[in-house]
Amino acid sequence: MRRILVCVAIVLLLAGCAGAKRKDALTSTLYAYHSAIRWGDIDTAWQMVDPKYREQHPMSGVERSRYDQYAVSGYREQGSGMAAENSYRQVIEISLVNRHTQTEKVMIDQQTWRYDELTETWWLTTGLPDYTRAR
């Protein structure tokens, strides 16, 4: 009986460690993505997008140049939470300044992140924010 309790305790501890590791990876990924978007490092942000999405939706040169047209002046979380065990959703308000006209626009970016247990990586499954939707 004692061995069974010890085994159960070990399994629970290992599960807790895996959950903590996943949460730490999410926190690090979201911070890195926030920094990449906030400072206009679109190439780094693009590498955080799910490889399947990137393959199905390759970024054209015109699309890439649109990101250079704007400076991000604000990146604020409006809501977030776990959608499932390996899925996280967050709503972000992004403020943009057009570099040519100096006008500011705001957009809402609905993000869904997926955890890949094999690579221990969180991937953005919804693609980069579409700045053309800013109002």
Protein backbone atom coordinates (compact mmCIF):
# COMPACT_ATOMS: atom_id res chain seq x y z
CA MET A 1 0.00 0.00 0.00
CA ARG A 2 2.81 2.36 0.89
CA ARG A 3 4.50 1.74 -2.48
CA ILE A 4 1.29 2.59 -4.30
CA LEU A 5 1.01 5.89 -2.42
CA VAL A 6 4.64 6.72 -3.20
CA CYS A 7 4.10 5.91 -6.90
CA VAL A 8 0.95 8.06 -7.02
CA ALA A 9 2.81 10.92 -5.33
CA ILE A 10 5.67 10.67 -7.84
CA VAL A 11 3.27 10.67 -10.78
CA LEU A 12 1.47 13.74 -9.41
CA LEU A 13 4.76 15.56 -8.85
CA LEU A 14 5.93 14.80 -12.38
CA ALA A 15 2.62 15.98 -13.81
CA GLY A 16 2.94 19.18 -11.79
CA CYS A 17 6.47 19.74 -13.08
CA ALA A 18 5.32 19.24 -16.68
CA GLY A 19 2.52 21.75 -16.15
CA ALA A 20 4.90 24.28 -14.62
CA LYS A 21 7.36 23.79 -17.48
CA ARG A 22 4.57 24.33 -20.02
CA LYS A 23 3.42 27.49 -18.21
CA ASP A 24 6.97 28.86 -18.06
CA ALA A 25 7.38 28.18 -21.79
CA LEU A 26 4.10 30.01 -22.48
CA THR A 27 5.15 33.01 -20.41
CA SER A 28 8.52 33.21 -22.18
CA THR A 29 6.95 32.81 -25.62
CA LEU A 30 4.27 35.46 -25.04
CA TYR A 31 6.88 37.90 -23.73
CA ALA A 32 9.18 37.29 -26.72
CA TYR A 33 6.26 37.66 -29.15
CA HIS A 34 5.07 40.84 -27.44
CA SER A 35 8.58 42.29 -27.68
CA ALA A 36 8.96 41.29 -31.33
CA ILE A 37 5.64 42.90 -32.33
CA ARG A 38 6.15 45.96 -30.11
CA TRP A 39 9.57 46.72 -31.60
CA GLY A 40 8.72 45.84 -35.20
CA ASP A 41 10.78 42.64 -35.41
CA ILE A 42 8.30 40.93 -37.72
CA ASP A 43 10.79 38.28 -38.86
CA THR A 44 11.19 37.04 -35.28
CA ALA A 45 7.42 37.15 -34.69
CA TRP A 46 6.88 35.21 -37.93
CA GLN A 47 9.11 32.41 -36.60
CA MET A 48 6.68 31.99 -33.67
CA VAL A 49 3.78 31.31 -36.03
CA ASP A 50 2.83 27.65 -36.37
CA PRO A 51 4.88 26.08 -39.21
CA LYS A 52 1.70 24.59 -40.69
CA TYR A 53 0.15 28.06 -40.87
CA ARG A 54 3.31 29.53 -42.42
CA GLU A 55 3.29 26.80 -45.05
CA GLN A 56 -0.38 27.35 -45.90
CA HIS A 57 -0.17 31.18 -45.76
CA PRO A 58 3.29 32.28 -46.95
CA MET A 59 3.98 35.98 -46.45
CA SER A 60 4.45 37.90 -49.69
CA GLY A 61 6.89 40.77 -50.07
CA VAL A 62 3.99 43.24 -50.19
CA GLU A 63 2.52 41.84 -46.97
CA ARG A 64 5.93 42.00 -45.31
CA SER A 65 6.44 45.64 -46.37
CA ARG A 66 3.10 46.63 -44.81
CA TYR A 67 4.52 45.84 -41.39
CA ASP A 68 7.38 48.28 -42.01
CA GLN A 69 4.82 51.03 -42.69
CA TYR A 70 3.64 51.02 -39.06
CA ALA A 71 5.21 51.52 -35.66
CA VAL A 72 3.49 49.79 -32.76
CA SER A 73 2.80 52.38 -30.06
CA GLY A 74 0.86 50.09 -27.73
CA TYR A 75 0.32 46.39 -27.07
CA ARG A 76 -2.21 45.72 -24.31
CA GLU A 77 -3.74 42.44 -23.21
CA GLN A 78 -7.53 42.69 -23.00
CA GLY A 79 -8.22 39.13 -21.85
CA SER A 80 -6.63 35.71 -21.83
CA GLY A 81 -6.94 32.16 -20.60
CA MET A 82 -6.42 28.49 -21.27
CA ALA A 83 -8.84 27.25 -23.92
CA ALA A 84 -7.88 23.60 -23.44
CA GLU A 85 -4.95 21.68 -22.00
CA ASN A 86 -2.60 22.62 -24.85
CA SER A 87 -4.34 25.75 -26.11
CA TYR A 88 -4.21 29.35 -24.91
CA ARG A 89 -6.18 32.33 -26.16
CA GLN A 90 -5.62 36.01 -25.66
CA VAL A 91 -7.12 39.21 -26.98
CA ILE A 92 -4.63 42.02 -27.61
CA GLU A 93 -5.29 45.67 -28.41
CA ILE A 94 -2.55 46.97 -30.71
CA SER A 95 -2.07 50.70 -31.33
CA LEU A 96 -0.32 51.55 -34.59
CA VAL A 97 1.19 54.75 -35.96
CA ASN A 98 1.50 55.05 -39.73
CA ARG A 99 5.10 56.13 -40.34
CA HIS A 100 4.10 58.17 -43.42
CA THR A 101 1.01 60.02 -42.15
CA GLN A 102 1.68 59.90 -38.39
CA THR A 103 -1.94 58.88 -37.80
CA GLU A 104 -2.74 56.41 -35.06
CA LYS A 105 -5.09 53.46 -35.45
CA VAL A 106 -6.13 50.69 -33.10
CA MET A 107 -6.88 47.04 -33.79
CA ILE A 108 -7.88 43.97 -31.82
CA ASP A 109 -5.82 40.83 -32.39
CA GLN A 110 -7.43 37.53 -31.34
CA GLN A 111 -4.60 35.06 -30.77
CA THR A 112 -4.70 31.30 -30.27
CA TRP A 113 -1.55 29.52 -29.17
CA ARG A 114 -0.98 25.74 -29.38
CA TYR A 115 1.51 23.78 -27.29
CA ASP A 116 3.51 21.15 -29.17
CA GLU A 117 4.53 18.53 -26.63
CA LEU A 118 7.08 16.97 -28.97
CA THR A 119 9.12 20.17 -29.38
CA GLU A 120 7.93 21.76 -26.09
CA THR A 121 7.07 24.90 -28.06
CA TRP A 122 4.07 27.22 -28.08
CA TRP A 123 2.99 28.14 -31.63
CA LEU A 124 0.72 31.00 -32.73
CA THR A 125 -1.95 29.32 -34.86
CA THR A 126 -3.79 32.47 -35.95
CA GLY A 127 -0.97 34.18 -37.84
CA LEU A 128 0.45 37.66 -37.40
CA PRO A 129 -1.89 40.58 -36.76
CA ASP A 130 -3.41 42.05 -39.92
CA TYR A 131 -2.57 45.75 -39.66
CA THR A 132 -4.93 46.55 -42.54
CA ARG A 133 -7.84 45.86 -40.14
CA ALA A 134 -6.83 48.73 -37.84
CA ARG A 135 -9.37 51.53 -37.48
